[in-house]
Amino acid sequence: MKFDKEGNATSFERKKTELYQELGLQARDLRFQHLVSIEPRNNKIIMRMEFLKAVVSPEFLLILDHRNMNMEQWLSQELASQLAGEGQLVTCSLPFEFRAIEVILQYWISKLQARLNLLQPQILETLEALVDPKLLSVDRSKLHVLLQNGKSLSELETDLRVFKETLLKILDEEELIEELCLTKWTDPQVFKESTSGIDHAEEMELLLENYYRQTEDLANEARELRVLIDDSESIIFINLDSHRNVMMRLNLQLTMGTFSLSLFGLIGVAFGMNLESTLEEDLRAFWLVTGIMFLGSGLMWRRLLSFLGRHLEPSVPPQVHTFLKKTQPAAGRTEVKRILKTEAFGSSKNTLANQ
């Protein structure tokens, strides 16, 4: 699909061998590659934005292989009006290649922004459901959704990083920026105007820097989401460890109770043997032995629980005595060392005196 300066579009089919001969390009320039690049070639600019591939010249914009790319609405409604200068483009007063480059960069930034806007609420909603302290268990379906969103976020971060590196590579080379200003070298009148006050290279650099900053902002938002996912995973693991510790402690308490009952249950086992004693005829012996069994089991269980509590309580951190108030770092270090030295000398003197 070919767009001229007025935004008029014409569609045609052409073999790649005929097309690159007509455009004066090489076969490798029109080869489909799933990457992001902006390269000047023979007074043309070849722009690859993954599935979007375009050739920019001072007179027209050529979109290649646009079928089955879900770009019909953008090509038919937005692109033509923006190239004609009806949109809110900053480069409307500049040559045609500026408008074409800005339209494609704006389209790609909007695609990345749309992907981030789609992922952000889904990730936040999933994390809010997973980090809920009221839940004793983690919903595995939510974890599956979080895993898929995490993979999509990683792909988005990769695309943002590649796009930033592409723009930064151009911004670091002044000659490459000069080559992107096609009209400056083809139209002598434009070249005279540029030397008299309108520097197209600076305008191109400002254009690329603008979209580089937008990409940096999107990358920061994606990075914040990644940090939020990592922090939420840590909170989830802490909650699971806490619940696991509660279950382990309950299991240990029940084991202690069972041990106490089993130990004092030996008295009942002794009386249950087929041996005669003088206590069988006493009416109070049954209640006495039963009371001793339950009382002893309870006392022993409480004793074990207190022992468990003493060893599971967190230790109190030692108190740190502050020698000095807030002063300068260097002075503080010197004064602390001096105090330590005096204490050391004092202790050594005391030791000698005692000896």
Protein backbone atom coordinates (compact mmCIF):
# COMPACT_ATOMS: atom_id res chain seq x y z
CA MET A 1 0.00 0.00 0.00
CA LYS A 2 1.49 3.30 -1.16
CA PHE A 3 0.76 6.69 0.44
CA ASP A 4 1.76 10.01 -1.10
CA LYS A 5 2.25 13.38 0.62
CA GLU A 6 -1.49 14.19 0.52
CA GLY A 7 -2.40 10.89 2.16
CA ASN A 8 -3.80 9.28 -0.98
CA ALA A 9 -3.45 5.49 -0.83
CA THR A 10 -3.10 2.99 -3.65
CA SER A 11 -2.81 -0.78 -3.26
CA PHE A 12 -0.97 -3.05 -5.67
CA GLU A 13 0.79 -6.40 -5.80
CA ARG A 14 4.35 -6.71 -6.95
CA LYS A 15 7.04 -9.35 -6.80
CA LYS A 16 9.90 -8.54 -4.48
CA THR A 17 12.43 -8.85 -7.28
CA GLU A 18 10.57 -6.22 -9.29
CA LEU A 19 9.97 -4.03 -6.25
CA TYR A 20 13.53 -3.74 -5.02
CA GLN A 21 14.72 -3.04 -8.58
CA GLU A 22 12.11 -0.30 -8.87
CA LEU A 23 13.09 1.21 -5.53
CA GLY A 24 16.82 0.85 -6.12
CA LEU A 25 17.31 -1.40 -3.10
CA GLN A 26 18.95 -4.74 -2.47
CA ALA A 27 17.10 -8.02 -1.99
CA ARG A 28 18.18 -8.23 1.66
CA ASP A 29 16.55 -4.86 2.34
CA LEU A 30 13.06 -6.20 1.57
CA ARG A 31 13.56 -9.56 3.19
CA PHE A 32 11.00 -10.13 5.92
CA GLN A 33 12.69 -10.20 9.33
CA HIS A 34 10.87 -10.26 12.64
CA LEU A 35 12.91 -7.55 14.32
CA VAL A 36 12.99 -3.80 15.03
CA SER A 37 15.30 -1.62 12.97
CA ILE A 38 15.50 1.79 11.24
CA GLU A 39 18.08 1.86 8.45
CA PRO A 40 18.75 4.37 5.64
CA ARG A 41 19.39 2.78 2.23
CA ASN A 42 19.95 4.60 -1.07
CA ASN A 43 17.96 7.72 -0.15
CA LYS A 44 15.27 5.51 1.40
CA ILE A 45 14.51 4.58 4.99
CA ILE A 46 13.63 0.97 5.75
CA MET A 47 11.67 0.60 8.97
CA ARG A 48 10.94 -2.79 10.50
CA MET A 49 8.69 -2.91 13.57
CA GLU A 50 8.33 -6.70 13.84
CA PHE A 51 5.19 -7.36 11.75
CA LEU A 52 5.14 -3.81 10.30
CA LYS A 53 7.59 -3.20 7.47
CA ALA A 54 7.72 0.13 5.62
CA VAL A 55 9.87 1.99 3.11
CA VAL A 56 10.02 5.78 3.47
CA SER A 57 11.13 8.10 0.69
CA PRO A 58 10.87 11.91 0.28
CA GLU A 59 7.78 11.42 -1.91
CA PHE A 60 5.84 8.41 -0.56
CA LEU A 61 5.42 5.83 2.19
CA LEU A 62 5.24 2.17 1.21
CA ILE A 63 3.72 -0.42 3.59
CA LEU A 64 4.76 -3.98 2.70
CA ASP A 65 3.03 -7.26 3.53
CA HIS A 66 0.20 -5.55 5.37
CA ARG A 67 -2.40 -8.29 4.91
CA ASN A 68 -3.45 -10.44 7.86
CA MET A 69 -1.72 -8.05 10.26
CA ASN A 70 -4.84 -6.42 11.81
CA MET A 71 -3.79 -3.04 10.46
CA GLU A 72 -6.74 -2.33 8.15
CA GLN A 73 -8.32 0.26 10.44
CA TRP A 74 -5.04 2.07 11.00
CA LEU A 75 -4.16 2.06 7.29
CA SER A 76 -7.57 3.16 6.07
CA GLN A 77 -8.53 5.74 8.71
CA GLU A 78 -5.62 7.04 10.75
CA LEU A 79 -2.51 6.78 8.60
CA ALA A 80 -3.81 8.72 5.59
CA SER A 81 -5.10 11.66 7.66
CA GLN A 82 -1.90 11.86 9.70
CA LEU A 83 0.30 11.88 6.62
CA ALA A 84 -1.84 14.69 5.17
CA GLY A 85 -1.11 16.79 8.25
CA GLU A 86 -4.57 16.57 9.81
CA GLY A 87 -3.43 14.79 12.96
CA GLN A 88 -1.62 16.08 16.03
CA LEU A 89 1.85 15.41 14.73
CA VAL A 90 4.72 17.65 15.76
CA THR A 91 6.41 17.29 12.36
CA CYS A 92 3.56 18.61 10.19
CA SER A 93 5.63 21.59 8.98
CA LEU A 94 8.70 19.45 8.25
CA PRO A 95 9.37 17.32 5.14
CA PHE A 96 7.39 14.21 4.36
CA GLU A 97 9.84 11.67 5.77
CA PHE A 98 9.52 13.26 9.22
CA ARG A 99 5.78 12.74 9.16
CA ALA A 100 6.13 9.18 7.92
CA ILE A 101 8.69 8.25 10.58
CA GLU A 102 6.63 9.84 13.35
CA VAL A 103 3.45 8.07 12.22
CA ILE A 104 5.12 4.67 12.34
CA LEU A 105 6.85 5.34 15.65
CA GLN A 106 3.60 6.61 17.14
CA TYR A 107 1.78 3.50 15.92
CA TRP A 108 4.37 1.22 17.49
CA ILE A 109 4.38 3.12 20.80
CA SER A 110 0.58 2.94 20.91
CA LYS A 111 0.76 -0.84 20.38
CA LEU A 112 3.22 -1.22 23.26
CA GLN A 113 1.12 1.06 25.45
CA ALA A 114 -2.02 -0.95 24.67
CA ARG A 115 -0.27 -4.19 25.65
CA LEU A 116 0.85 -2.64 28.95
CA ASN A 117 -2.63 -1.24 29.66
CA LEU A 118 -4.07 -4.71 29.07
CA LEU A 119 -1.62 -6.48 31.36
CA GLN A 120 -1.49 -4.00 34.24
CA PRO A 121 -5.06 -4.37 35.61
CA GLN A 122 -4.96 -8.15 35.19
CA ILE A 123 -1.70 -8.44 37.12
CA LEU A 124 -2.85 -6.08 39.88
CA GLU A 125 -6.16 -7.93 40.28
CA THR A 126 -4.44 -11.31 40.44
CA LEU A 127 -1.85 -10.12 42.95
CA GLU A 128 -4.53 -8.57 45.15
CA ALA A 129 -6.37 -11.89 45.22
CA LEU A 130 -3.22 -13.87 45.99
CA VAL A 131 -1.88 -11.62 48.74
CA ASP A 132 -5.18 -11.51 50.64
CA PRO A 133 -4.29 -12.38 54.28
CA LYS A 134 -7.75 -13.91 54.84
CA LEU A 135 -6.96 -16.80 52.51
CA LEU A 136 -5.32 -19.80 54.16
CA SER A 137 -4.41 -21.40 50.83
CA VAL A 138 -3.32 -20.12 47.44
CA ASP A 139 -5.67 -20.45 44.48
CA ARG A 140 -3.78 -22.45 41.87
CA SER A 141 -5.88 -21.00 39.05
CA LYS A 142 -4.74 -17.51 40.08
CA LEU A 143 -1.14 -18.68 40.06
CA HIS A 144 -1.62 -20.02 36.53
CA VAL A 145 -3.02 -16.66 35.41
CA LEU A 146 -0.13 -14.85 37.09
CA LEU A 147 2.36 -17.13 35.31
CA GLN A 148 0.81 -16.35 31.92
CA ASN A 149 0.75 -12.62 32.65
CA GLY A 150 4.36 -12.80 33.80
CA LYS A 151 5.38 -14.36 30.49
CA SER A 152 3.50 -11.68 28.56
CA LEU A 153 5.17 -9.01 30.68
CA SER A 154 8.60 -10.50 29.93
CA GLU A 155 7.86 -10.40 26.19
CA LEU A 156 6.75 -6.77 26.51
CA GLU A 157 9.92 -5.87 28.41
CA THR A 158 11.99 -7.49 25.66
CA ASP A 159 10.18 -5.54 22.93
CA LEU A 160 10.63 -2.29 24.85
CA ARG A 161 14.31 -2.97 25.38
CA VAL A 162 14.90 -3.76 21.69
CA PHE A 163 12.99 -0.63 20.61
CA LYS A 164 15.02 1.52 23.03
CA GLU A 165 18.29 0.04 21.80
CA THR A 166 17.29 0.73 18.19
CA LEU A 167 16.55 4.40 18.89
CA LEU A 168 19.63 4.79 21.07
CA LYS A 169 21.84 3.34 18.34
CA ILE A 170 20.63 6.04 15.95
CA LEU A 171 20.93 8.82 18.53
CA ASP A 172 24.55 7.90 19.24
CA GLU A 173 25.58 8.35 15.58
CA GLU A 174 25.27 11.83 14.10
CA GLU A 175 25.98 10.61 10.57
CA LEU A 176 23.07 8.19 10.76
CA ILE A 177 20.75 10.99 11.88
CA GLU A 178 21.92 13.07 8.92
CA GLU A 179 21.16 10.20 6.55
CA LEU A 180 17.59 9.99 7.85
CA CYS A 181 16.96 13.58 6.65
CA LEU A 182 16.26 12.57 3.04
CA THR A 183 14.84 15.85 1.72
CA LYS A 184 17.82 17.79 3.01
CA TRP A 185 20.06 16.11 0.44
CA THR A 186 17.64 15.74 -2.47
CA ASP A 187 16.06 19.21 -2.55
CA PRO A 188 18.61 22.09 -2.76
CA GLN A 189 16.02 24.63 -1.66
CA VAL A 190 15.35 22.71 1.54
CA PHE A 191 19.07 22.43 2.11
CA LYS A 192 19.44 26.22 1.86
CA GLU A 193 16.61 26.71 4.35
CA SER A 194 18.21 24.23 6.71
CA THR A 195 21.54 26.06 6.60
CA SER A 196 19.77 29.39 7.22
CA GLY A 197 18.09 28.36 10.46
CA ILE A 198 16.16 25.07 10.23
CA ASP A 199 18.47 22.22 11.15
CA HIS A 200 16.70 19.05 10.09
CA ALA A 201 19.25 16.87 11.87
CA GLU A 202 18.37 18.47 15.20
CA GLU A 203 14.66 18.08 14.47
CA MET A 204 15.19 14.41 13.67
CA GLU A 205 17.18 13.97 16.87
CA LEU A 206 14.43 15.66 18.92
CA LEU A 207 11.84 13.43 17.26
CA LEU A 208 13.73 10.24 18.12
CA GLU A 209 14.48 11.46 21.66
CA ASN A 210 10.79 12.11 22.23
CA TYR A 211 9.84 8.53 21.42
CA TYR A 212 12.87 7.24 23.31
CA ARG A 213 11.60 8.98 26.45
CA GLN A 214 8.13 7.55 25.92
CA THR A 215 9.63 4.08 25.59
CA GLU A 216 11.67 4.69 28.75
CA ASP A 217 8.49 5.60 30.63
CA LEU A 218 6.76 2.42 29.44
CA ALA A 219 9.82 0.38 30.42
CA ASN A 220 9.75 1.92 33.91
CA GLU A 221 6.07 1.02 34.33
CA ALA A 222 6.75 -2.53 33.18
CA ARG A 223 9.71 -2.71 35.57
CA GLU A 224 7.50 -1.57 38.45
CA LEU A 225 5.03 -4.33 37.62
CA ARG A 226 7.88 -6.85 37.61
CA VAL A 227 9.09 -5.65 41.02
CA LEU A 228 5.51 -5.82 42.31
CA ILE A 229 5.20 -9.42 41.11
CA ASP A 230 8.48 -10.37 42.81
CA ASP A 231 7.47 -8.69 46.07
CA SER A 232 4.06 -10.37 46.00
CA GLU A 233 5.67 -13.74 45.42
CA SER A 234 7.83 -13.15 48.50
CA ILE A 235 4.72 -12.28 50.53
CA ILE A 236 2.95 -15.41 49.27
CA PHE A 237 5.91 -17.58 50.26
CA ILE A 238 6.04 -15.94 53.69
CA ASN A 239 2.31 -16.58 54.23
CA LEU A 240 2.67 -20.20 53.15
CA ASP A 241 5.65 -20.65 55.47
CA SER A 242 3.65 -19.12 58.33
CA HIS A 243 0.72 -21.48 57.77
CA ARG A 244 3.10 -24.40 57.48
CA ASN A 245 4.78 -23.43 60.75
CA VAL A 246 1.36 -23.24 62.47
CA MET A 247 0.49 -26.72 61.25
CA MET A 248 3.87 -28.09 62.34
CA ARG A 249 3.47 -26.53 65.78
CA LEU A 250 -0.04 -27.97 66.14
CA ASN A 251 1.26 -31.38 65.10
CA LEU A 252 4.06 -31.12 67.66
CA GLN A 253 1.62 -30.16 70.43
CA LEU A 254 -0.63 -33.11 69.61
CA THR A 255 2.38 -35.40 69.60
CA MET A 256 3.34 -34.14 73.06
CA GLY A 257 -0.21 -34.74 74.32
CA THR A 258 -0.20 -38.25 72.91
CA PHE A 259 3.15 -38.95 74.54
CA SER A 260 1.88 -37.69 77.92
CA LEU A 261 -1.27 -39.82 77.73
CA SER A 262 0.71 -42.87 76.65
CA LEU A 263 3.22 -42.46 79.47
CA PHE A 264 0.67 -42.22 82.25
CA GLY A 265 -1.53 -44.75 80.50
CA LEU A 266 1.00 -47.35 81.64
CA ILE A 267 -0.67 -47.21 85.07
CA GLY A 268 -3.92 -48.40 83.51
CA VAL A 269 -2.01 -51.08 81.62
CA ALA A 270 -0.48 -52.26 84.90
CA PHE A 271 -3.90 -52.53 86.54
CA GLY A 272 -5.31 -54.23 83.46
CA MET A 273 -3.00 -57.23 83.77
CA ASN A 274 -4.36 -60.55 85.07
CA LEU A 275 -2.63 -60.12 88.41
CA GLU A 276 -4.34 -59.74 91.74
CA SER A 277 -3.62 -56.94 94.16
CA THR A 278 -5.28 -55.52 97.25
CA LEU A 279 -6.67 -52.54 95.32
CA GLU A 280 -9.31 -54.44 93.36
CA GLU A 281 -11.60 -54.53 96.39
CA ASP A 282 -11.20 -50.79 97.19
CA LEU A 283 -14.07 -48.73 95.76
CA ARG A 284 -12.00 -45.51 95.61
CA ALA A 285 -8.99 -47.02 93.85
CA PHE A 286 -10.45 -46.69 90.32
CA TRP A 287 -11.16 -42.98 90.64
CA LEU A 288 -7.85 -42.35 92.35
CA VAL A 289 -5.80 -44.07 89.66
CA THR A 290 -7.82 -42.43 86.87
CA GLY A 291 -7.34 -38.99 88.43
CA ILE A 292 -3.60 -39.58 88.80
CA MET A 293 -3.39 -40.60 85.13
CA PHE A 294 -5.25 -37.56 83.79
CA LEU A 295 -3.61 -35.11 86.20
CA GLY A 296 -0.14 -36.42 85.48
CA SER A 297 -0.75 -36.37 81.72
CA GLY A 298 -2.03 -32.78 81.88
CA LEU A 299 0.88 -31.57 84.01
CA MET A 300 3.41 -33.25 81.79
CA TRP A 301 1.78 -31.83 78.63
CA ARG A 302 1.84 -28.31 80.09
CA ARG A 303 5.48 -28.80 81.02
CA LEU A 304 6.36 -29.85 77.50
CA LEU A 305 4.40 -26.91 76.05
CA SER A 306 6.26 -24.43 78.24
CA PHE A 307 9.55 -26.00 77.17
CA LEU A 308 8.46 -25.68 73.53
CA GLY A 309 7.43 -22.05 74.01
CA ARG A 310 10.77 -21.09 75.55
CA HIS A 311 12.73 -22.55 72.66
CA LEU A 312 10.48 -21.20 69.90
CA GLU A 313 10.24 -17.61 71.10
CA PRO A 314 12.45 -15.22 69.13
CA SER A 315 15.53 -14.16 70.97
CA VAL A 316 15.71 -10.55 72.12
CA PRO A 317 18.43 -8.67 70.24
CA PRO A 318 21.18 -7.34 72.46
CA GLN A 319 21.01 -3.69 73.36
CA VAL A 320 23.54 -1.53 71.57
CA HIS A 321 24.89 1.25 73.73
CA THR A 322 25.30 4.48 71.84
CA PHE A 323 28.62 6.10 72.69
CA LEU A 324 28.03 9.32 70.82
CA LYS A 325 25.29 11.52 69.53
CA LYS A 326 24.85 12.30 65.84
CA THR A 327 28.03 14.00 64.65
CA GLN A 328 30.11 14.05 61.51
CA PRO A 329 31.03 10.56 60.23
CA ALA A 330 34.76 11.08 60.37
CA ALA A 331 34.69 12.68 63.81
CA GLY A 332 32.32 9.99 65.04
CA ARG A 333 34.67 7.23 63.96
CA THR A 334 37.65 8.92 65.62
CA GLU A 335 35.79 9.46 68.90
CA VAL A 336 34.49 5.91 69.02
CA LYS A 337 37.96 4.56 68.47
CA ARG A 338 39.28 6.82 71.21
CA ILE A 339 36.65 5.59 73.66
CA LEU A 340 37.36 1.98 72.80
CA LYS A 341 41.07 2.56 73.27
CA THR A 342 40.59 4.19 76.67
CA GLU A 343 38.34 1.33 77.76
CA ALA A 344 40.93 -1.17 76.60
CA PHE A 345 43.74 0.64 78.40
CA GLY A 346 41.61 0.99 81.53
CA SER A 347 40.76 -2.70 81.56
CA SER A 348 44.42 -3.64 81.09
CA LYS A 349 45.45 -1.36 83.97
CA ASN A 350 42.81 -2.87 86.21
CA THR A 351 44.01 -6.34 85.30
CA LEU A 352 47.62 -5.47 86.17
CA ALA A 353 46.51 -3.89 89.44
CA ASN A 354 44.56 -6.97 90.37
CA GLN A 355 47.53 -9.18 89.57
